Amino acid sequence: MMVLVITACPAGLRGDLNKWLIELSSGVFVGRPSARIRDLLWERTVELCKDGRALLVHSTNNEQGLEFLTHRHDWEPTDYGGLTLMLRPTKNRETYNRRTGWSNARRQRAGYRKNPNA
């Protein structure tokens, strides 16, 4: 099984993909071609999808049961201990500071519990 999602690609590519896959929604194709046809469809997609984006998810023989391929996509597949997850890049990964500690509401509730008569 494979799912191919294309965005901002020429209409000719959609016509080529319709020969082998079913188009569920605009730019979303689903099918069960052989591995050779799947690889040829991906090569054709990358070749014709110059300024657009493409994302391919297909079944394979691993623990997860699927694999991701991307072309000019914001999210990138990343391996975490044998699992492939989609990493969403941040604008500045180095300067990203996550707030730590308790919220103001939590502090107020904690203060109320210490002195319920106040």
PDB file of N, CA and C in Angstrom:
ATOM      1  N   MET A   1       0.850  -1.178   0.000  1.00  0.00           N
ATOM      2  CA  MET A   1       0.000   0.000   0.000  1.00  0.00           C
ATOM      3  C   MET A   1       0.885   1.226   0.000  1.00  0.00           C
ATOM      4  N   MET A   2       0.467   2.241  -0.697  1.00  0.00           N
ATOM      5  CA  MET A   2       1.215   3.500  -0.696  1.00  0.00           C
ATOM      6  C   MET A   2       0.259   4.670  -0.765  1.00  0.00           C
ATOM      7  N   VAL A   3       0.693   5.776  -0.165  1.00  0.00           N
ATOM      8  CA  VAL A   3      -0.038   7.038  -0.197  1.00  0.00           C
ATOM      9  C   VAL A   3       0.939   8.096  -0.676  1.00  0.00           C
ATOM     10  N   LEU A   4       0.549   8.844  -1.683  1.00  0.00           N
ATOM     11  CA  LEU A   4       1.383   9.908  -2.243  1.00  0.00           C
ATOM     12  C   LEU A   4       0.595  11.204  -2.178  1.00  0.00           C
ATOM     13  N   VAL A   5       1.186  12.209  -1.532  1.00  0.00           N
ATOM     14  CA  VAL A   5       0.547  13.517  -1.397  1.00  0.00           C
ATOM     15  C   VAL A   5       1.416  14.533  -2.128  1.00  0.00           C
ATOM     16  N   ILE A   6       0.827  15.247  -3.092  1.00  0.00           N
ATOM     17  CA  ILE A   6       1.569  16.271  -3.833  1.00  0.00           C
ATOM     18  C   ILE A   6       0.886  17.623  -3.632  1.00  0.00           C
ATOM     19  N   THR A   7       1.696  18.671  -3.618  1.00  0.00           N
ATOM     20  CA  THR A   7       1.204  20.027  -3.437  1.00  0.00           C
ATOM     21  C   THR A   7       1.905  20.939  -4.431  1.00  0.00           C
ATOM     22  N   ALA A   8       1.153  21.790  -5.110  1.00  0.00           N
ATOM     23  CA  ALA A   8       1.686  22.783  -6.051  1.00  0.00           C
ATOM     24  C   ALA A   8       2.493  22.121  -7.168  1.00  0.00           C
ATOM     25  N   CYS A   9       1.954  21.056  -7.733  1.00  0.00           N
ATOM     26  CA  CYS A   9       2.615  20.338  -8.823  1.00  0.00           C
ATOM     27  C   CYS A   9       1.803  20.521 -10.098  1.00  0.00           C
ATOM     28  N   PRO A  10       2.425  20.351 -11.272  1.00  0.00           N
ATOM     29  CA  PRO A  10       1.703  20.536 -12.528  1.00  0.00           C
ATOM     30  C   PRO A  10       0.602  19.492 -12.721  1.00  0.00           C
ATOM     31  N   ALA A  11      -0.413  19.866 -13.501  1.00  0.00           N
ATOM     32  CA  ALA A  11      -1.547  18.972 -13.739  1.00  0.00           C
ATOM     33  C   ALA A  11      -1.130  17.716 -14.498  1.00  0.00           C
ATOM     34  N   GLY A  12      -0.094  17.812 -15.308  1.00  0.00           N
ATOM     35  CA  GLY A  12       0.387  16.643 -16.044  1.00  0.00           C
ATOM     36  C   GLY A  12       0.849  15.525 -15.129  1.00  0.00           C
ATOM     37  N   LEU A  13       1.411  15.882 -13.992  1.00  0.00           N
ATOM     38  CA  LEU A  13       1.842  14.876 -13.021  1.00  0.00           C
ATOM     39  C   LEU A  13       0.634  14.154 -12.448  1.00  0.00           C
ATOM     40  N   ARG A  14      -0.423  14.877 -12.148  1.00  0.00           N
ATOM     41  CA  ARG A  14      -1.633  14.246 -11.633  1.00  0.00           C
ATOM     42  C   ARG A  14      -2.205  13.274 -12.645  1.00  0.00           C
ATOM     43  N   GLY A  15      -2.127  13.616 -13.924  1.00  0.00           N
ATOM     44  CA  GLY A  15      -2.595  12.703 -14.965  1.00  0.00           C
ATOM     45  C   GLY A  15      -1.772  11.431 -15.025  1.00  0.00           C
ATOM     46  N   ASP A  16      -0.446  11.565 -14.890  1.00  0.00           N
ATOM     47  CA  ASP A  16       0.427  10.387 -14.883  1.00  0.00           C
ATOM     48  C   ASP A  16       0.137   9.489 -13.679  1.00  0.00           C
ATOM     49  N   LEU A  17      -0.071  10.097 -12.534  1.00  0.00           N
ATOM     50  CA  LEU A  17      -0.326   9.313 -11.334  1.00  0.00           C
ATOM     51  C   LEU A  17      -1.691   8.627 -11.368  1.00  0.00           C
ATOM     52  N   ASN A  18      -2.665   9.235 -12.063  1.00  0.00           N
ATOM     53  CA  ASN A  18      -3.997   8.641 -12.175  1.00  0.00           C
ATOM     54  C   ASN A  18      -3.995   7.343 -12.966  1.00  0.00           C
ATOM     55  N   LYS A  19      -2.970   7.116 -13.758  1.00  0.00           N
ATOM     56  CA  LYS A  19      -2.886   5.863 -14.513  1.00  0.00           C
ATOM     57  C   LYS A  19      -2.640   4.676 -13.588  1.00  0.00           C
ATOM     58  N   TRP A  20      -1.944   4.912 -12.469  1.00  0.00           N
ATOM     59  CA  TRP A  20      -1.542   3.832 -11.587  1.00  0.00           C
ATOM     60  C   TRP A  20      -2.221   3.863 -10.228  1.00  0.00           C
ATOM     61  N   LEU A  21      -2.667   5.036  -9.800  1.00  0.00           N
ATOM     62  CA  LEU A  21      -3.194   5.216  -8.449  1.00  0.00           C
ATOM     63  C   LEU A  21      -4.585   5.830  -8.491  1.00  0.00           C
ATOM     64  N   ILE A  22      -5.293   5.753  -7.383  1.00  0.00           N
ATOM     65  CA  ILE A  22      -6.612   6.369  -7.253  1.00  0.00           C
ATOM     66  C   ILE A  22      -6.447   7.693  -6.527  1.00  0.00           C
ATOM     67  N   GLU A  23      -7.047   8.745  -7.069  1.00  0.00           N
ATOM     68  CA  GLU A  23      -6.960  10.063  -6.439  1.00  0.00           C
ATOM     69  C   GLU A  23      -8.160  10.249  -5.514  1.00  0.00           C
ATOM     70  N   LEU A  24      -7.917  10.172  -4.207  1.00  0.00           N
ATOM     71  CA  LEU A  24      -8.990  10.298  -3.221  1.00  0.00           C
ATOM     72  C   LEU A  24      -9.474  11.730  -3.075  1.00  0.00           C
ATOM     73  N   SER A  25      -8.531  12.633  -3.038  1.00  0.00           N
ATOM     74  CA  SER A  25      -8.810  14.052  -2.916  1.00  0.00           C
ATOM     75  C   SER A  25      -7.788  14.761  -3.800  1.00  0.00           C
ATOM     76  N   SER A  26      -7.922  16.046  -3.946  1.00  0.00           N
ATOM     77  CA  SER A  26      -6.998  16.774  -4.804  1.00  0.00           C
ATOM     78  C   SER A  26      -5.563  16.647  -4.280  1.00  0.00           C
ATOM     79  N   GLY A  27      -4.720  15.936  -5.030  1.00  0.00           N
ATOM     80  CA  GLY A  27      -3.319  15.777  -4.666  1.00  0.00           C
ATOM     81  C   GLY A  27      -3.018  14.611  -3.740  1.00  0.00           C
ATOM     82  N   VAL A  28      -4.017  13.798  -3.388  1.00  0.00           N
ATOM     83  CA  VAL A  28      -3.816  12.644  -2.508  1.00  0.00           C
ATOM     84  C   VAL A  28      -4.097  11.380  -3.307  1.00  0.00           C
ATOM     85  N   PHE A  29      -3.064  10.561  -3.513  1.00  0.00           N
ATOM     86  CA  PHE A  29      -3.165   9.356  -4.328  1.00  0.00           C
ATOM     87  C   PHE A  29      -2.893   8.127  -3.471  1.00  0.00           C
ATOM     88  N   VAL A  30      -3.673   7.068  -3.693  1.00  0.00           N
ATOM     89  CA  VAL A  30      -3.548   5.825  -2.948  1.00  0.00           C
ATOM     90  C   VAL A  30      -3.542   4.667  -3.934  1.00  0.00           C
ATOM     91  N   GLY A  31      -2.708   3.673  -3.662  1.00  0.00           N
ATOM     92  CA  GLY A  31      -2.681   2.499  -4.514  1.00  0.00           C
ATOM     93  C   GLY A  31      -1.815   1.405  -3.935  1.00  0.00           C
ATOM     94  N   ARG A  32      -1.745   0.313  -4.693  1.00  0.00           N
ATOM     95  CA  ARG A  32      -0.951  -0.828  -4.266  1.00  0.00           C
ATOM     96  C   ARG A  32      -0.110  -1.334  -5.441  1.00  0.00           C
ATOM     97  N   PRO A  33       0.770  -0.489  -5.977  1.00  0.00           N
ATOM     98  CA  PRO A  33       1.616  -0.941  -7.086  1.00  0.00           C
ATOM     99  C   PRO A  33       2.787  -1.770  -6.564  1.00  0.00           C
ATOM    100  N   SER A  34       3.481  -2.422  -7.479  1.00  0.00           N
ATOM    101  CA  SER A  34       4.676  -3.166  -7.090  1.00  0.00           C
ATOM    102  C   SER A  34       5.773  -2.189  -6.678  1.00  0.00           C
ATOM    103  N   ALA A  35       6.820  -2.718  -6.059  1.00  0.00           N
ATOM    104  CA  ALA A  35       7.914  -1.859  -5.591  1.00  0.00           C
ATOM    105  C   ALA A  35       8.604  -1.172  -6.759  1.00  0.00           C
ATOM    106  N   ARG A  36       8.744  -1.859  -7.873  1.00  0.00           N
ATOM    107  CA  ARG A  36       9.396  -1.257  -9.040  1.00  0.00           C
ATOM    108  C   ARG A  36       8.565  -0.103  -9.577  1.00  0.00           C
ATOM    109  N   ILE A  37       7.264  -0.302  -9.713  1.00  0.00           N
ATOM    110  CA  ILE A  37       6.382   0.770 -10.207  1.00  0.00           C
ATOM    111  C   ILE A  37       6.352   1.923  -9.211  1.00  0.00           C
ATOM    112  N   ARG A  38       6.327   1.609  -7.920  1.00  0.00           N
ATOM    113  CA  ARG A  38       6.331   2.655  -6.888  1.00  0.00           C
ATOM    114  C   ARG A  38       7.582   3.523  -7.016  1.00  0.00           C
ATOM    115  N   ASP A  39       8.747   2.891  -7.179  1.00  0.00           N
ATOM    116  CA  ASP A  39       9.988   3.657  -7.320  1.00  0.00           C
ATOM    117  C   ASP A  39       9.993   4.490  -8.593  1.00  0.00           C
ATOM    118  N   LEU A  40       9.459   3.953  -9.682  1.00  0.00           N
ATOM    119  CA  LEU A  40       9.381   4.722 -10.926  1.00  0.00           C
ATOM    120  C   LEU A  40       8.407   5.896 -10.797  1.00  0.00           C
ATOM    121  N   LEU A  41       7.295   5.679 -10.104  1.00  0.00           N
ATOM    122  CA  LEU A  41       6.355   6.782  -9.875  1.00  0.00           C
ATOM    123  C   LEU A  41       6.985   7.878  -9.012  1.00  0.00           C
ATOM    124  N   TRP A  42       7.781   7.487  -8.016  1.00  0.00           N
ATOM    125  CA  TRP A  42       8.448   8.478  -7.170  1.00  0.00           C
ATOM    126  C   TRP A  42       9.471   9.271  -7.977  1.00  0.00           C
ATOM    127  N   GLU A  43      10.247   8.587  -8.818  1.00  0.00           N
ATOM    128  CA  GLU A  43      11.220   9.290  -9.668  1.00  0.00           C
ATOM    129  C   GLU A  43      10.513  10.271 -10.590  1.00  0.00           C
ATOM    130  N   ARG A  44       9.399   9.849 -11.168  1.00  0.00           N
ATOM    131  CA  ARG A  44       8.630  10.722 -12.066  1.00  0.00           C
ATOM    132  C   ARG A  44       8.058  11.917 -11.296  1.00  0.00           C
ATOM    133  N   THR A  45       7.611  11.671 -10.072  1.00  0.00           N
ATOM    134  CA  THR A  45       7.068  12.751  -9.242  1.00  0.00           C
ATOM    135  C   THR A  45       8.139  13.778  -8.921  1.00  0.00           C
ATOM    136  N   VAL A  46       9.317  13.325  -8.519  1.00  0.00           N
ATOM    137  CA  VAL A  46      10.416  14.240  -8.183  1.00  0.00           C
ATOM    138  C   VAL A  46      10.854  15.005  -9.429  1.00  0.00           C
ATOM    139  N   GLU A  47      10.854  14.347 -10.578  1.00  0.00           N
ATOM    140  CA  GLU A  47      11.272  14.995 -11.824  1.00  0.00           C
ATOM    141  C   GLU A  47      10.303  16.095 -12.244  1.00  0.00           C
ATOM    142  N   LEU A  48       9.000  15.845 -12.136  1.00  0.00           N
ATOM    143  CA  LEU A  48       8.006  16.814 -12.606  1.00  0.00           C
ATOM    144  C   LEU A  48       7.593  17.834 -11.551  1.00  0.00           C
ATOM    145  N   CYS A  49       7.799  17.535 -10.316  1.00  0.00           N
ATOM    146  CA  CYS A  49       7.367  18.402  -9.222  1.00  0.00           C
ATOM    147  C   CYS A  49       8.500  19.364  -8.868  1.00  0.00           C
ATOM    148  N   LYS A  50       8.769  20.303  -9.735  1.00  0.00           N
ATOM    149  CA  LYS A  50       9.932  21.183  -9.575  1.00  0.00           C
ATOM    150  C   LYS A  50       9.804  22.105  -8.365  1.00  0.00           C
ATOM    151  N   ASP A  51       8.787  22.940  -8.314  1.00  0.00           N
ATOM    152  CA  ASP A  51       8.619  23.884  -7.218  1.00  0.00           C
ATOM    153  C   ASP A  51       7.651  23.383  -6.156  1.00  0.00           C
ATOM    154  N   GLY A  52       6.987  22.276  -6.419  1.00  0.00           N
ATOM    155  CA  GLY A  52       6.006  21.744  -5.485  1.00  0.00           C
ATOM    156  C   GLY A  52       6.636  20.841  -4.441  1.00  0.00           C
ATOM    157  N   ARG A  53       5.770  20.242  -3.649  1.00  0.00           N
ATOM    158  CA  ARG A  53       6.223  19.340  -2.595  1.00  0.00           C
ATOM    159  C   ARG A  53       5.568  17.986  -2.788  1.00  0.00           C
ATOM    160  N   ALA A  54       6.244  16.946  -2.308  1.00  0.00           N
ATOM    161  CA  ALA A  54       5.694  15.599  -2.399  1.00  0.00           C
ATOM    162  C   ALA A  54       6.061  14.810  -1.145  1.00  0.00           C
ATOM    163  N   LEU A  55       5.149  13.955  -0.728  1.00  0.00           N
ATOM    164  CA  LEU A  55       5.349  13.093   0.426  1.00  0.00           C
ATOM    165  C   LEU A  55       4.813  11.716   0.073  1.00  0.00           C
ATOM    166  N   LEU A  56       5.659  10.696   0.219  1.00  0.00           N
ATOM    167  CA  LEU A  56       5.279   9.320  -0.093  1.00  0.00           C
ATOM    168  C   LEU A  56       5.410   8.473   1.161  1.00  0.00           C
ATOM    169  N   VAL A  57       4.355   7.738   1.485  1.00  0.00           N
ATOM    170  CA  VAL A  57       4.368   6.778   2.584  1.00  0.00           C
ATOM    171  C   VAL A  57       4.016   5.431   1.982  1.00  0.00           C
ATOM    172  N   HIS A  58       4.883   4.442   2.192  1.00  0.00           N
ATOM    173  CA  HIS A  58       4.596   3.112   1.638  1.00  0.00           C
ATOM    174  C   HIS A  58       4.933   2.037   2.657  1.00  0.00           C
ATOM    175  N   SER A  59       4.269   0.905   2.510  1.00  0.00           N
ATOM    176  CA  SER A  59       4.495  -0.205   3.430  1.00  0.00           C
ATOM    177  C   SER A  59       5.803  -0.897   3.085  1.00  0.00           C
ATOM    178  N   THR A  60       6.467  -1.394   4.119  1.00  0.00           N
ATOM    179  CA  THR A  60       7.740  -2.080   3.942  1.00  0.00           C
ATOM    180  C   THR A  60       7.904  -3.091   5.076  1.00  0.00           C
ATOM    181  N   ASN A  61       8.960  -3.860   5.019  1.00  0.00           N
ATOM    182  CA  ASN A  61       9.181  -4.925   5.997  1.00  0.00           C
ATOM    183  C   ASN A  61      10.141  -4.433   7.088  1.00  0.00           C
ATOM    184  N   ASN A  62       9.632  -3.642   8.028  1.00  0.00           N
ATOM    185  CA  ASN A  62      10.404  -3.225   9.197  1.00  0.00           C
ATOM    186  C   ASN A  62       9.475  -3.211  10.406  1.00  0.00           C
ATOM    187  N   GLU A  63       9.986  -2.810  11.572  1.00  0.00           N
ATOM    188  CA  GLU A  63       9.173  -2.837  12.780  1.00  0.00           C
ATOM    189  C   GLU A  63       7.945  -1.944  12.663  1.00  0.00           C
ATOM    190  N   GLN A  64       8.116  -0.818  12.027  1.00  0.00           N
ATOM    191  CA  GLN A  64       7.028   0.142  11.899  1.00  0.00           C
ATOM    192  C   GLN A  64       6.041  -0.258  10.812  1.00  0.00           C
ATOM    193  N   GLY A  65       6.531  -0.948   9.800  1.00  0.00           N
ATOM    194  CA  GLY A  65       5.662  -1.387   8.712  1.00  0.00           C
ATOM    195  C   GLY A  65       5.489  -0.369   7.615  1.00  0.00           C
ATOM    196  N   LEU A  66       6.171   0.775   7.706  1.00  0.00           N
ATOM    197  CA  LEU A  66       6.065   1.792   6.662  1.00  0.00           C
ATOM    198  C   LEU A  66       7.346   2.614   6.581  1.00  0.00           C
ATOM    199  N   GLU A  67       7.460   3.338   5.474  1.00  0.00           N
ATOM    200  CA  GLU A  67       8.627   4.184   5.223  1.00  0.00           C
ATOM    201  C   GLU A  67       8.158   5.487   4.589  1.00  0.00           C
ATOM    202  N   PHE A  68       8.894   6.572   4.853  1.00  0.00           N
ATOM    203  CA  PHE A  68       8.552   7.896   4.346  1.00  0.00           C
ATOM    204  C   PHE A  68       9.604   8.354   3.346  1.00  0.00           C
ATOM    205  N   LEU A  69       9.165   9.020   2.282  1.00  0.00           N
ATOM    206  CA  LEU A  69      10.052   9.719   1.358  1.00  0.00           C
ATOM    207  C   LEU A  69       9.490  11.120   1.176  1.00  0.00           C
ATOM    208  N   THR A  70      10.361  12.124   1.160  1.00  0.00           N
ATOM    209  CA  THR A  70       9.904  13.502   0.996  1.00  0.00           C
ATOM    210  C   THR A  70      10.693  14.198  -0.094  1.00  0.00           C
ATOM    211  N   HIS A  71      10.050  15.175  -0.725  1.00  0.00           N
ATOM    212  CA  HIS A  71      10.700  16.030  -1.723  1.00  0.00           C
ATOM    213  C   HIS A  71      10.268  17.467  -1.454  1.00  0.00           C
ATOM    214  N   ARG A  72      11.233  18.318  -1.086  1.00  0.00           N
ATOM    215  CA  ARG A  72      10.994  19.733  -0.804  1.00  0.00           C
ATOM    216  C   ARG A  72       9.889  19.924   0.234  1.00  0.00           C
ATOM    217  N   HIS A  73       9.872  19.091   1.245  1.00  0.00           N
ATOM    218  CA  HIS A  73       8.831  19.142   2.267  1.00  0.00           C
ATOM    219  C   HIS A  73       9.415  19.752   3.540  1.00  0.00           C
ATOM    220  N   ASP A  74       8.593  20.488   4.298  1.00  0.00           N
ATOM    221  CA  ASP A  74       9.053  21.115   5.538  1.00  0.00           C
ATOM    222  C   ASP A  74       9.399  20.075   6.593  1.00  0.00           C
ATOM    223  N   TRP A  75       8.590  19.059   6.706  1.00  0.00           N
ATOM    224  CA  TRP A  75       8.823  18.012   7.692  1.00  0.00           C
ATOM    225  C   TRP A  75       9.783  17.006   7.106  1.00  0.00           C
ATOM    226  N   GLU A  76      10.694  16.486   7.927  1.00  0.00           N
ATOM    227  CA  GLU A  76      11.688  15.549   7.423  1.00  0.00           C
ATOM    228  C   GLU A  76      11.678  14.270   8.252  1.00  0.00           C
ATOM    229  N   PRO A  77      11.781  13.102   7.594  1.00  0.00           N
ATOM    230  CA  PRO A  77      11.817  11.845   8.346  1.00  0.00           C
ATOM    231  C   PRO A  77      13.121  11.719   9.126  1.00  0.00           C
ATOM    232  N   THR A  78      13.032  11.353  10.393  1.00  0.00           N
ATOM    233  CA  THR A  78      14.189  11.236  11.263  1.00  0.00           C
ATOM    234  C   THR A  78      14.101   9.918  12.024  1.00  0.00           C
ATOM    235  N   ASP A  79      15.224   9.225  12.123  1.00  0.00           N
ATOM    236  CA  ASP A  79      15.260   7.943  12.803  1.00  0.00           C
ATOM    237  C   ASP A  79      15.534   8.142  14.289  1.00  0.00           C
ATOM    238  N   TYR A  80      14.651   7.629  15.141  1.00  0.00           N
ATOM    239  CA  TYR A  80      14.818   7.668  16.589  1.00  0.00           C
ATOM    240  C   TYR A  80      14.786   6.242  17.119  1.00  0.00           C
ATOM    241  N   GLY A  81      15.940   5.634  17.271  1.00  0.00           N
ATOM    242  CA  GLY A  81      16.041   4.297  17.829  1.00  0.00           C
ATOM    243  C   GLY A  81      15.299   3.241  17.043  1.00  0.00           C
ATOM    244  N   GLY A  82      15.341   3.307  15.740  1.00  0.00           N
ATOM    245  CA  GLY A  82      14.677   2.328  14.903  1.00  0.00           C
ATOM    246  C   GLY A  82      13.296   2.739  14.435  1.00  0.00           C
ATOM    247  N   LEU A  83      12.722   3.783  15.001  1.00  0.00           N
ATOM    248  CA  LEU A  83      11.433   4.295  14.554  1.00  0.00           C
ATOM    249  C   LEU A  83      11.645   5.541  13.718  1.00  0.00           C
ATOM    250  N   THR A  84      10.960   5.611  12.599  1.00  0.00           N
ATOM    251  CA  THR A  84      11.046   6.801  11.760  1.00  0.00           C
ATOM    252  C   THR A  84       9.899   7.723  12.128  1.00  0.00           C
ATOM    253  N   LEU A  85      10.236   8.909  12.578  1.00  0.00           N
ATOM    254  CA  LEU A  85       9.252   9.917  12.945  1.00  0.00           C
ATOM    255  C   LEU A  85       9.437  11.125  12.055  1.00  0.00           C
ATOM    256  N   MET A  86       8.376  11.892  11.874  1.00  0.00           N
ATOM    257  CA  MET A  86       8.457  13.099  11.065  1.00  0.00           C
ATOM    258  C   MET A  86       8.818  14.264  11.971  1.00  0.00           C
ATOM    259  N   LEU A  87       9.976  14.872  11.711  1.00  0.00           N
ATOM    260  CA  LEU A  87      10.481  15.989  12.509  1.00  0.00           C
ATOM    261  C   LEU A  87      10.028  17.292  11.881  1.00  0.00           C
ATOM    262  N   ARG A  88       9.384  18.103  12.678  1.00  0.00           N
ATOM    263  CA  ARG A  88       8.951  19.420  12.221  1.00  0.00           C
ATOM    264  C   ARG A  88      10.008  20.422  12.635  1.00  0.00           C
ATOM    265  N   PRO A  89      10.737  20.971  11.685  1.00  0.00           N
ATOM    266  CA  PRO A  89      11.819  21.893  12.052  1.00  0.00           C
ATOM    267  C   PRO A  89      11.282  23.209  12.621  1.00  0.00           C
ATOM    268  N   THR A  90      11.991  23.727  13.630  1.00  0.00           N
ATOM    269  CA  THR A  90      11.645  25.028  14.186  1.00  0.00           C
ATOM    270  C   THR A  90      12.472  26.091  13.481  1.00  0.00           C
ATOM    271  N   LYS A  91      12.108  27.343  13.670  1.00  0.00           N
ATOM    272  CA  LYS A  91      12.830  28.422  13.007  1.00  0.00           C
ATOM    273  C   LYS A  91      14.266  28.494  13.494  1.00  0.00           C
ATOM    274  N   ASN A  92      14.458  28.514  14.790  1.00  0.00           N
ATOM    275  CA  ASN A  92      15.794  28.549  15.376  1.00  0.00           C
ATOM    276  C   ASN A  92      15.880  27.467  16.427  1.00  0.00           C
ATOM    277  N   ARG A  93      16.390  26.322  16.059  1.00  0.00           N
ATOM    278  CA  ARG A  93      16.449  25.193  16.973  1.00  0.00           C
ATOM    279  C   ARG A  93      17.363  25.481  18.165  1.00  0.00           C
ATOM    280  N   GLU A  94      18.423  26.256  17.963  1.00  0.00           N
ATOM    281  CA  GLU A  94      19.374  26.520  19.036  1.00  0.00           C
ATOM    282  C   GLU A  94      18.826  27.511  20.058  1.00  0.00           C
ATOM    283  N   THR A  95      18.033  28.474  19.615  1.00  0.00           N
ATOM    284  CA  THR A  95      17.552  29.514  20.516  1.00  0.00           C
ATOM    285  C   THR A  95      16.167  29.213  21.069  1.00  0.00           C
ATOM    286  N   TYR A  96      15.641  28.042  20.778  1.00  0.00           N
ATOM    287  CA  TYR A  96      14.318  27.682  21.268  1.00  0.00           C
ATOM    288  C   TYR A  96      14.404  27.378  22.754  1.00  0.00           C
ATOM    289  N   ASN A  97      13.761  28.193  23.581  1.00  0.00           N
ATOM    290  CA  ASN A  97      13.775  28.008  25.031  1.00  0.00           C
ATOM    291  C   ASN A  97      12.371  27.655  25.499  1.00  0.00           C
ATOM    292  N   ARG A  98      12.259  26.514  26.104  1.00  0.00           N
ATOM    293  CA  ARG A  98      10.976  26.096  26.625  1.00  0.00           C
ATOM    294  C   ARG A  98      10.851  26.598  28.058  1.00  0.00           C
ATOM    295  N   ARG A  99       9.693  27.123  28.386  1.00  0.00           N
ATOM    296  CA  ARG A  99       9.464  27.601  29.744  1.00  0.00           C
ATOM    297  C   ARG A  99       9.417  26.426  30.697  1.00  0.00           C
ATOM    298  N   THR A 100      10.035  26.587  31.825  1.00  0.00           N
ATOM    299  CA  THR A 100      10.005  25.551  32.848  1.00  0.00           C
ATOM    300  C   THR A 100       9.410  26.124  34.115  1.00  0.00           C
ATOM    301  N   GLY A 101       9.002  25.255  35.001  1.00  0.00           N
ATOM    302  CA  GLY A 101       8.441  25.712  36.259  1.00  0.00           C
ATOM    303  C   GLY A 101       6.931  25.686  36.230  1.00  0.00           C
ATOM    304  N   TRP A 102       6.348  26.208  37.286  1.00  0.00           N
ATOM    305  CA  TRP A 102       4.910  26.170  37.437  1.00  0.00           C
ATOM    306  C   TRP A 102       4.265  27.406  36.834  1.00  0.00           C
ATOM    307  N   SER A 103       3.015  27.273  36.455  1.00  0.00           N
ATOM    308  CA  SER A 103       2.275  28.416  35.931  1.00  0.00           C
ATOM    309  C   SER A 103       1.872  29.325  37.093  1.00  0.00           C
ATOM    310  N   ASN A 104       1.462  30.539  36.767  1.00  0.00           N
ATOM    311  CA  ASN A 104       1.030  31.477  37.810  1.00  0.00           C
ATOM    312  C   ASN A 104      -0.203  30.955  38.538  1.00  0.00           C
ATOM    313  N   ALA A 105      -1.124  30.329  37.814  1.00  0.00           N
ATOM    314  CA  ALA A 105      -2.333  29.788  38.433  1.00  0.00           C
ATOM    315  C   ALA A 105      -1.968  28.682  39.424  1.00  0.00           C
ATOM    316  N   ARG A 106      -1.001  27.858  39.071  1.00  0.00           N
ATOM    317  CA  ARG A 106      -0.577  26.777  39.963  1.00  0.00           C
ATOM    318  C   ARG A 106       0.051  27.348  41.232  1.00  0.00           C
ATOM    319  N   ARG A 107       0.828  28.388  41.069  1.00  0.00           N
ATOM    320  CA  ARG A 107       1.441  29.019  42.246  1.00  0.00           C
ATOM    321  C   ARG A 107       0.367  29.603  43.164  1.00  0.00           C
ATOM    322  N   GLN A 108      -0.652  30.223  42.576  1.00  0.00           N
ATOM    323  CA  GLN A 108      -1.723  30.806  43.378  1.00  0.00           C
ATOM    324  C   GLN A 108      -2.510  29.725  44.110  1.00  0.00           C
ATOM    325  N   ARG A 109      -2.789  28.608  43.428  1.00  0.00           N
ATOM    326  CA  ARG A 109      -3.509  27.514  44.084  1.00  0.00           C
ATOM    327  C   ARG A 109      -2.681  26.919  45.211  1.00  0.00           C
ATOM    328  N   ALA A 110      -1.379  26.770  45.002  1.00  0.00           N
ATOM    329  CA  ALA A 110      -0.506  26.227  46.043  1.00  0.00           C
ATOM    330  C   ALA A 110      -0.481  27.165  47.248  1.00  0.00           C
ATOM    331  N   GLY A 111      -0.454  28.463  46.992  1.00  0.00           N
ATOM    332  CA  GLY A 111      -0.471  29.432  48.085  1.00  0.00           C
ATOM    333  C   GLY A 111      -1.784  29.399  48.831  1.00  0.00           C
ATOM    334  N   TYR A 112      -2.889  29.176  48.129  1.00  0.00           N
ATOM    335  CA  TYR A 112      -4.196  29.105  48.764  1.00  0.00           C
ATOM    336  C   TYR A 112      -4.301  27.883  49.671  1.00  0.00           C
ATOM    337  N   ARG A 113      -3.718  26.765  49.231  1.00  0.00           N
ATOM    338  CA  ARG A 113      -3.798  25.545  50.040  1.00  0.00           C
ATOM    339  C   ARG A 113      -2.983  25.677  51.336  1.00  0.00           C
ATOM    340  N   LYS A 114      -1.898  26.435  51.293  1.00  0.00           N
ATOM    341  CA  LYS A 114      -1.093  26.609  52.492  1.00  0.00           C
ATOM    342  C   LYS A 114      -1.837  27.442  53.529  1.00  0.00           C
ATOM    343  N   ASN A 115      -2.595  28.437  53.073  1.00  0.00           N
ATOM    344  CA  ASN A 115      -3.309  29.327  53.983  1.00  0.00           C
ATOM    345  C   ASN A 115      -4.754  29.463  53.508  1.00  0.00           C
ATOM    346  N   PRO A 116      -5.642  28.497  53.821  1.00  0.00           N
ATOM    347  CA  PRO A 116      -7.002  28.550  53.307  1.00  0.00           C
ATOM    348  C   PRO A 116      -7.845  29.669  53.905  1.00  0.00           C
ATOM    349  N   ASN A 117      -7.442  30.249  55.029  1.00  0.00           N
ATOM    350  CA  ASN A 117      -8.223  31.320  55.653  1.00  0.00           C
ATOM    351  C   ASN A 117      -7.903  32.687  55.103  1.00  0.00           C
ATOM    352  N   ALA A 118      -6.906  32.800  54.246  1.00  0.00           N
ATOM    353  CA  ALA A 118      -6.499  34.107  53.749  1.00  0.00           C
ATOM    354  C   ALA A 118      -7.407  34.604  52.663  1.00  0.00           C
TER     355      ALA A 118
END
